[in-house]
Amino acid sequence: QPPAFGFLLDVDGVLVRGSQPVPAARRAFQRLADGCGRLRVPVVFVTNAGNCLRSAKARELSQALGLQVSPEQVILSHSPLQLFRQFHQRYMLVAGQGPLEENAYDLGFKHVVTIEALRKAYPLLDMVDLSRRPKELPPPSTGFPTIEGVILFGEPVRWETSLQLITDVLLSNGNPGAELQDVPYPHLPILACNMDLLWMAEAKMPRFGHGTFLLCLESIYKKVTGRELKYEALIGKPSPVTYRYAQYLIQQQAEKQGWKAPIQRLYAIGDNPMSDVYGANLYNNYLKSARHKQVQAGLKRSPEAASPQAEVSLELRNDCNNSVESCESILVCTGVYRHNGDVPKKTEAQTEEAVFHGHRDFCFDPSLLEASYIVQDVDDAVQLAFKKENWS
């Protein structure tokens, strides 16, 4: 029969560790695909990575998993920025690494300024590295556009340069070459992608993620101005906007395959309690409250990141064609999360997760860190979902 469920799969720590595939990943996809390599169930890859193009991530996954993954199956941390059309015509400063300009243009932004272009226009701003300081006083810059917003795609390479120049742009209202007057507040809009404090690569211990960079920027801004840095939007897991976008792609896949049964259940498989489990459980709460027509009450009850996010979420939750009833979280032990002792099938309260690694703007609700299930790896997770669905 056609599937009434779909999978939202995290990538780092679930399917790969750095450039190396997790051994269980290929076994899982042998179950998910038919003899011709076509998926029997809709699958979307939801990653907080953002320093690449969707097409490049799809190629990487195809190689790791041994089957064809299309860019339409991949959600990067910044993919939902397509929804924020009110910023697409503004001059936006972009920070991170990888194909920043190409990603921004693909998302619909028309005027993009990189940190490197800003540094070249105003060479006196970047003063931490002595070797990069200009030897002679440069002529004043002319004709450089006023910056109207900031997009933080992911962690940059030179943190000191990006922290300094982004702060300069915020303090100067987009004119970093000008002499500092009164500090504007509220400051220019900031759109931030990927809040992960830590992520898992080949090293034995987790590595700093973009959430760590955001923490540095927030601390510097508050120390300098005495005020809180504010975000126009925080996207990527655990943001509900990201999960709603993933659901939309799952439903599109099912339609394309001609599967007539409405998708009713999502299984979100991840290795990070703070982004994967928290996000899936938060979205599950949204689905429940939407089904009970308690949109306003649900919004007040749930942790939220920023008001435009709330508006987008409300708009999506009022979608009368929404057939999805639940989003269950399955936590694997091949990445950030490691379980002590035997792996239980169902979680009790995770008392060991006492330190809140989530972003400042998400209220800490410990119950949202409790996965519906904990299993060893992604192959076990797929088998568990198949068993629950009575799917051979």
Protein backbone atom coordinates (compact mmCIF):
# COMPACT_ATOMS: atom_id res chain seq x y z
CA GLN A 1 0.00 0.00 0.00
CA PRO A 2 1.18 3.63 -0.44
CA PRO A 3 3.05 5.03 2.59
CA ALA A 4 1.18 7.29 5.03
CA PHE A 5 4.45 8.34 6.68
CA GLY A 6 7.80 9.94 5.83
CA PHE A 7 11.28 10.42 7.28
CA LEU A 8 13.11 13.64 8.19
CA LEU A 9 16.77 12.60 8.42
CA ASP A 10 19.56 14.62 9.99
CA VAL A 11 22.93 14.22 8.21
CA ASP A 12 25.98 14.85 10.45
CA GLY A 13 26.17 12.23 13.22
CA VAL A 14 23.32 10.17 11.69
CA LEU A 15 24.37 9.38 8.11
CA VAL A 16 27.97 10.69 8.06
CA ARG A 17 30.73 11.73 10.47
CA GLY A 18 32.66 14.45 8.62
CA SER A 19 33.37 12.87 5.22
CA GLN A 20 32.92 9.26 6.42
CA PRO A 21 29.54 7.46 6.11
CA VAL A 22 28.11 5.90 9.27
CA PRO A 23 28.10 2.12 8.56
CA ALA A 24 24.39 1.77 9.40
CA ALA A 25 23.37 4.42 6.83
CA ARG A 26 23.70 2.17 3.76
CA ARG A 27 21.85 -0.65 5.52
CA ALA A 28 19.01 1.77 6.31
CA PHE A 29 18.72 2.86 2.67
CA GLN A 30 18.72 -0.73 1.45
CA ARG A 31 15.49 -1.04 3.47
CA LEU A 32 14.12 2.30 2.27
CA ALA A 33 14.76 1.66 -1.46
CA ASP A 34 13.39 -0.95 -3.86
CA GLY A 35 15.50 -3.18 -6.10
CA CYS A 36 15.90 -0.36 -8.64
CA GLY A 37 17.18 2.13 -6.05
CA ARG A 38 13.89 4.10 -5.86
CA LEU A 39 12.69 5.14 -2.41
CA ARG A 40 9.57 3.34 -1.22
CA VAL A 41 8.86 6.04 1.41
CA PRO A 42 9.31 9.84 1.14
CA VAL A 43 12.58 11.05 2.71
CA VAL A 44 13.89 14.58 3.27
CA PHE A 45 17.40 15.31 4.54
CA VAL A 46 17.19 18.14 7.09
CA THR A 47 20.63 19.44 8.01
CA ASN A 48 21.80 22.55 9.87
CA ALA A 49 24.78 22.71 7.50
CA GLY A 50 24.61 25.75 5.25
CA ASN A 51 28.09 26.37 3.84
CA CYS A 52 27.34 24.63 0.55
CA LEU A 53 24.76 24.45 -2.25
CA ARG A 54 21.81 22.04 -2.09
CA SER A 55 23.09 20.36 -5.27
CA ALA A 56 26.53 19.78 -3.68
CA LYS A 57 24.98 18.29 -0.51
CA ALA A 58 22.76 16.04 -2.67
CA ARG A 59 25.84 14.75 -4.57
CA GLU A 60 27.67 14.15 -1.27
CA LEU A 61 24.71 12.18 0.13
CA SER A 62 24.30 10.19 -3.11
CA GLN A 63 27.92 9.06 -2.84
CA ALA A 64 27.69 8.25 0.89
CA LEU A 65 24.38 6.33 0.64
CA GLY A 66 24.80 4.58 -2.70
CA LEU A 67 21.57 5.91 -4.23
CA GLN A 68 20.47 9.01 -6.12
CA VAL A 69 19.53 11.97 -3.86
CA SER A 70 18.01 15.02 -5.58
CA PRO A 71 18.52 18.64 -4.40
CA GLU A 72 14.72 18.82 -3.84
CA GLN A 73 15.15 16.29 -1.01
CA VAL A 74 17.70 18.45 0.84
CA ILE A 75 16.93 21.22 3.34
CA LEU A 76 19.94 23.27 4.42
CA SER A 77 19.76 25.57 7.44
CA HIS A 78 19.06 28.59 5.21
CA SER A 79 16.52 27.00 2.79
CA PRO A 80 13.43 28.59 4.50
CA LEU A 81 14.87 32.09 3.83
CA GLN A 82 12.89 31.85 0.59
CA LEU A 83 9.85 32.66 2.78
CA PHE A 84 11.29 36.02 3.95
CA ARG A 85 10.56 37.94 0.77
CA GLN A 86 10.31 41.30 2.55
CA PHE A 87 14.16 41.32 2.70
CA HIS A 88 14.89 40.10 -0.84
CA GLN A 89 15.25 43.61 -2.34
CA ARG A 90 17.51 45.01 0.42
CA TYR A 91 21.32 45.31 0.47
CA MET A 92 22.23 42.42 2.78
CA LEU A 93 25.61 41.72 4.37
CA VAL A 94 26.27 37.94 4.31
CA ALA A 95 28.62 36.08 6.69
CA GLY A 96 29.77 32.47 6.74
CA GLN A 97 31.82 30.38 4.32
CA GLY A 98 31.30 28.47 1.10
CA PRO A 99 29.27 29.85 -1.86
CA LEU A 100 27.59 32.65 0.13
CA GLU A 101 26.63 34.87 -2.79
CA GLU A 102 25.32 31.99 -4.89
CA ASN A 103 23.22 30.70 -1.97
CA ALA A 104 21.81 34.18 -1.29
CA TYR A 105 20.87 34.73 -4.96
CA ASP A 106 19.31 31.24 -5.18
CA LEU A 107 17.13 32.11 -2.16
CA GLY A 108 15.83 35.26 -3.88
CA PHE A 109 18.09 38.01 -2.48
CA LYS A 110 18.99 40.60 -5.12
CA HIS A 111 21.75 42.72 -3.48
CA VAL A 112 24.47 40.83 -1.61
CA VAL A 113 27.57 42.24 0.14
CA THR A 114 30.21 39.85 1.54
CA ILE A 115 32.40 40.45 4.59
CA GLU A 116 35.43 40.37 2.24
CA ALA A 117 33.94 43.09 -0.03
CA LEU A 118 33.22 45.22 3.05
CA ARG A 119 36.76 44.68 4.35
CA LYS A 120 38.25 45.77 1.03
CA ALA A 121 36.05 48.88 0.91
CA TYR A 122 36.97 49.83 4.51
CA PRO A 123 40.49 48.41 5.14
CA LEU A 124 40.88 50.26 8.45
CA LEU A 125 38.14 48.21 10.13
CA ASP A 126 39.94 44.83 10.31
CA MET A 127 42.71 45.43 12.89
CA VAL A 128 43.15 42.24 14.96
CA ASP A 129 45.62 40.47 12.62
CA LEU A 130 48.70 42.74 12.46
CA SER A 131 49.71 41.32 9.07
CA ARG A 132 46.45 42.51 7.50
CA ARG A 133 46.64 46.10 8.72
CA PRO A 134 47.22 48.60 5.85
CA LYS A 135 50.78 49.97 5.74
CA GLU A 136 49.58 53.37 4.50
CA LEU A 137 46.40 55.33 5.14
CA PRO A 138 44.00 54.36 2.31
CA PRO A 139 41.83 56.93 0.50
CA PRO A 140 38.23 57.19 1.79
CA SER A 141 35.73 54.79 0.20
CA THR A 142 33.04 56.28 -2.04
CA GLY A 143 29.92 54.79 -3.61
CA PHE A 144 29.68 51.78 -1.33
CA PRO A 145 26.00 50.96 -0.67
CA THR A 146 24.37 51.42 2.75
CA ILE A 147 23.79 47.97 4.24
CA GLU A 148 20.14 47.29 5.17
CA GLY A 149 20.34 43.92 6.92
CA VAL A 150 22.58 40.98 7.87
CA ILE A 151 22.32 37.28 7.00
CA LEU A 152 24.38 34.92 9.16
CA PHE A 153 24.61 31.76 7.04
CA GLY A 154 27.04 29.83 9.24
CA GLU A 155 30.30 30.00 11.15
CA PRO A 156 32.92 32.05 9.25
CA VAL A 157 36.62 31.18 8.89
CA ARG A 158 38.03 34.36 10.51
CA TRP A 159 35.79 34.91 13.50
CA GLU A 160 37.58 38.09 14.62
CA THR A 161 37.04 39.81 11.24
CA SER A 162 33.36 38.85 10.99
CA LEU A 163 32.61 39.75 14.64
CA GLN A 164 34.26 43.16 14.22
CA LEU A 165 32.67 44.08 10.86
CA ILE A 166 29.15 42.84 11.72
CA THR A 167 29.30 44.85 14.95
CA ASP A 168 30.52 47.90 12.98
CA VAL A 169 27.57 47.59 10.58
CA LEU A 170 25.06 47.33 13.45
CA LEU A 171 26.55 50.26 15.39
CA SER A 172 26.69 52.50 12.30
CA ASN A 173 23.25 51.63 10.87
CA GLY A 174 24.87 50.15 7.78
CA ASN A 175 27.54 52.82 7.15
CA PRO A 176 30.69 51.40 8.80
CA GLY A 177 32.99 54.04 7.28
CA ALA A 178 31.18 56.86 9.08
CA GLU A 179 32.14 58.33 12.43
CA LEU A 180 30.13 56.76 15.26
CA GLN A 181 27.11 58.85 16.30
CA ASP A 182 24.29 57.66 18.54
CA VAL A 183 23.99 53.88 18.46
CA PRO A 184 20.72 53.00 16.62
CA TYR A 185 18.28 50.73 18.44
CA PRO A 186 16.54 48.65 17.34
CA HIS A 187 19.47 47.79 15.06
CA LEU A 188 19.33 46.54 11.45
CA PRO A 189 17.46 43.26 10.92
CA ILE A 190 19.48 40.05 11.39
CA LEU A 191 18.46 36.71 9.85
CA ALA A 192 20.43 33.83 11.42
CA CYS A 193 20.62 30.24 10.16
CA ASN A 194 21.74 27.24 12.24
CA MET A 195 21.78 27.68 16.02
CA ASP A 196 23.78 24.50 16.80
CA LEU A 197 26.24 25.17 19.61
CA LEU A 198 28.07 21.91 18.77
CA TRP A 199 28.22 19.37 15.96
CA MET A 200 29.89 16.00 15.45
CA ALA A 201 32.66 15.38 12.89
CA GLU A 202 35.48 12.79 12.93
CA ALA A 203 36.93 14.09 16.24
CA LYS A 204 36.02 12.21 19.43
CA MET A 205 34.50 15.35 20.99
CA PRO A 206 31.88 17.71 19.47
CA ARG A 207 33.11 20.79 17.55
CA PHE A 208 31.96 24.42 17.81
CA GLY A 209 28.99 25.22 15.57
CA HIS A 210 27.38 28.45 14.35
CA GLY A 211 25.51 28.71 17.65
CA THR A 212 28.88 29.32 19.32
CA PHE A 213 29.60 32.17 16.87
CA LEU A 214 26.14 33.68 17.57
CA LEU A 215 26.87 33.48 21.30
CA CYS A 216 30.09 35.48 20.76
CA LEU A 217 28.30 38.13 18.64
CA GLU A 218 25.45 38.49 21.18
CA SER A 219 27.92 38.85 24.07
CA ILE A 220 30.04 41.46 22.27
CA TYR A 221 27.01 43.52 21.21
CA LYS A 222 25.59 43.51 24.74
CA LYS A 223 28.96 44.37 26.30
CA VAL A 224 29.50 47.29 23.89
CA THR A 225 25.95 48.73 23.87
CA GLY A 226 24.34 47.45 27.07
CA ARG A 227 21.43 46.14 24.96
CA GLU A 228 20.31 42.74 23.66
CA LEU A 229 21.05 41.72 20.10
CA LYS A 230 17.72 40.91 18.42
CA TYR A 231 16.99 38.59 15.52
CA GLU A 232 14.37 39.10 12.85
CA ALA A 233 14.41 35.33 12.38
CA LEU A 234 16.25 32.26 13.65
CA ILE A 235 15.95 29.36 11.23
CA GLY A 236 17.31 25.85 10.90
CA LYS A 237 16.54 23.20 13.51
CA PRO A 238 14.86 23.49 16.04
CA SER A 239 12.80 26.26 14.36
CA PRO A 240 9.22 25.14 13.52
CA VAL A 241 9.48 26.96 10.17
CA THR A 242 12.18 24.48 9.08
CA TYR A 243 10.02 21.47 10.01
CA ARG A 244 6.99 22.89 8.20
CA TYR A 245 9.14 23.41 5.10
CA ALA A 246 10.36 19.79 5.42
CA GLN A 247 6.77 18.56 5.67
CA TYR A 248 5.89 20.47 2.50
CA LEU A 249 8.74 18.71 0.61
CA ILE A 250 7.68 15.29 1.97
CA GLN A 251 4.12 15.87 0.69
CA GLN A 252 5.46 17.08 -2.68
CA GLN A 253 7.53 13.87 -3.01
CA ALA A 254 4.51 11.68 -2.26
CA GLU A 255 2.45 13.51 -4.91
CA LYS A 256 5.24 13.21 -7.49
CA GLN A 257 5.42 9.44 -6.91
CA GLY A 258 1.64 9.15 -7.29
CA TRP A 259 1.14 7.85 -3.75
CA LYS A 260 -2.50 8.58 -3.02
CA ALA A 261 -2.56 8.08 0.77
CA PRO A 262 -2.19 11.38 2.68
CA ILE A 263 1.02 11.64 4.72
CA GLN A 264 -0.10 11.52 8.36
CA ARG A 265 3.05 10.78 10.39
CA LEU A 266 6.63 12.07 10.27
CA TYR A 267 9.62 10.36 11.90
CA ALA A 268 12.49 12.78 12.62
CA ILE A 269 15.79 10.94 13.14
CA GLY A 270 18.71 12.86 14.66
CA ASP A 271 21.73 12.70 16.96
CA ASN A 272 21.48 16.08 18.72
CA PRO A 273 18.89 16.38 21.53
CA MET A 274 18.90 20.18 21.36
CA SER A 275 18.32 20.63 17.64
CA ASP A 276 16.86 17.35 16.31
CA VAL A 277 14.76 16.13 19.25
CA TYR A 278 13.78 19.56 20.58
CA GLY A 279 12.76 20.72 17.08
CA ALA A 280 10.72 17.59 16.26
CA ASN A 281 8.92 17.70 19.62
CA LEU A 282 8.25 21.44 19.29
CA TYR A 283 6.78 20.85 15.82
CA ASN A 284 4.74 17.93 17.15
CA ASN A 285 3.22 20.36 19.69
CA TYR A 286 2.39 22.76 16.85
CA LEU A 287 0.65 19.99 14.91
CA LYS A 288 -1.36 18.98 17.98
CA SER A 289 -2.44 22.53 18.80
CA ALA A 290 -3.33 23.19 15.15
CA ARG A 291 -5.53 20.10 15.12
CA HIS A 292 -7.31 21.30 18.25
CA LYS A 293 -7.84 24.77 16.73
CA GLN A 294 -5.85 26.31 19.59
CA VAL A 295 -3.54 28.34 17.39
CA GLN A 296 -3.18 31.33 19.71
CA ALA A 297 -3.02 29.24 22.88
CA GLY A 298 -0.44 26.93 21.31
CA LEU A 299 1.73 29.83 20.25
CA LYS A 300 1.72 31.29 23.76
CA ARG A 301 2.51 27.88 25.26
CA SER A 302 5.42 27.05 22.99
CA PRO A 303 8.93 28.52 23.05
CA GLU A 304 9.32 30.96 20.16
CA ALA A 305 12.28 32.66 18.57
CA ALA A 306 11.08 35.86 16.90
CA SER A 307 7.81 37.51 15.95
CA PRO A 308 8.12 37.13 12.14
CA GLN A 309 8.73 33.41 12.79
CA ALA A 310 5.50 33.34 14.76
CA GLU A 311 3.66 34.95 11.85
CA VAL A 312 5.09 32.47 9.33
CA SER A 313 4.27 29.57 11.66
CA LEU A 314 0.73 30.82 12.22
CA GLU A 315 0.20 31.21 8.50
CA LEU A 316 1.44 27.64 7.92
CA ARG A 317 -0.56 26.21 10.80
CA ASN A 318 -3.78 27.64 9.35
CA ASP A 319 -3.24 25.54 6.21
CA CYS A 320 -6.50 23.56 5.90
CA ASN A 321 -4.83 20.96 3.62
CA ASN A 322 -2.53 19.82 6.41
CA SER A 323 -2.94 16.03 6.77
CA VAL A 324 0.07 15.45 9.05
CA GLU A 325 -0.94 14.56 12.61
CA SER A 326 2.38 13.87 14.35
CA CYS A 327 6.16 14.26 14.20
CA GLU A 328 7.90 11.66 16.37
CA SER A 329 11.54 12.10 17.42
CA ILE A 330 14.01 9.19 17.24
CA LEU A 331 17.45 9.80 18.78
CA VAL A 332 20.47 7.80 17.59
CA CYS A 333 23.77 7.24 19.44
CA THR A 334 26.21 7.71 16.55
CA GLY A 335 26.82 11.47 16.93
CA VAL A 336 26.50 14.19 19.57
CA TYR A 337 24.33 12.03 21.85
CA ARG A 338 25.88 8.96 23.50
CA HIS A 339 23.80 6.78 25.79
CA ASN A 340 25.39 5.24 28.88
CA GLY A 341 24.77 1.51 29.22
CA ASP A 342 22.10 -0.44 27.35
CA VAL A 343 19.99 1.53 24.89
CA PRO A 344 16.36 1.73 26.04
CA LYS A 345 13.55 1.65 23.49
CA LYS A 346 11.71 4.53 25.14
CA THR A 347 13.27 7.48 26.94
CA GLU A 348 12.73 8.32 30.55
CA ALA A 349 13.48 11.90 31.63
CA GLN A 350 16.96 12.73 30.38
CA THR A 351 18.38 14.04 33.61
CA GLU A 352 21.91 14.08 32.21
CA GLU A 353 20.88 16.90 29.80
CA ALA A 354 21.01 19.49 32.59
CA VAL A 355 22.97 22.11 30.63
CA PHE A 356 20.88 23.99 28.06
CA HIS A 357 22.80 24.04 24.76
CA GLY A 358 19.95 25.70 22.87
CA HIS A 359 19.77 29.26 21.66
CA ARG A 360 19.08 32.08 24.12
CA ASP A 361 15.76 32.96 22.42
CA PHE A 362 14.22 29.50 22.82
CA CYS A 363 12.73 29.00 26.27
CA PHE A 364 14.15 25.91 27.95
CA ASP A 365 11.47 23.22 28.24
CA PRO A 366 13.25 20.03 29.42
CA SER A 367 10.34 17.83 28.30
CA LEU A 368 11.10 18.76 24.66
CA LEU A 369 14.56 17.15 24.99
CA GLU A 370 12.99 13.73 25.62
CA ALA A 371 12.99 11.70 22.41
CA SER A 372 10.02 9.48 21.64
CA TYR A 373 12.60 6.68 21.18
CA ILE A 374 16.35 6.14 21.56
CA VAL A 375 18.00 3.54 19.30
CA GLN A 376 21.60 2.73 18.41
CA ASP A 377 21.72 3.95 14.79
CA VAL A 378 19.72 5.07 11.76
CA ASP A 379 19.12 1.48 10.56
CA ASP A 380 17.50 0.65 13.91
CA ALA A 381 15.46 3.87 13.65
CA VAL A 382 14.10 2.93 10.21
CA GLN A 383 13.25 -0.60 11.42
CA LEU A 384 11.44 0.88 14.45
CA ALA A 385 9.31 3.17 12.24
CA PHE A 386 8.53 0.31 9.83
CA LYS A 387 7.39 -1.84 12.76
CA LYS A 388 5.15 0.95 14.11
CA GLU A 389 3.66 1.41 10.62
CA ASN A 390 3.29 -2.35 10.07
CA TRP A 391 5.35 -1.84 6.93
CA SER A 392 7.38 -4.74 5.54
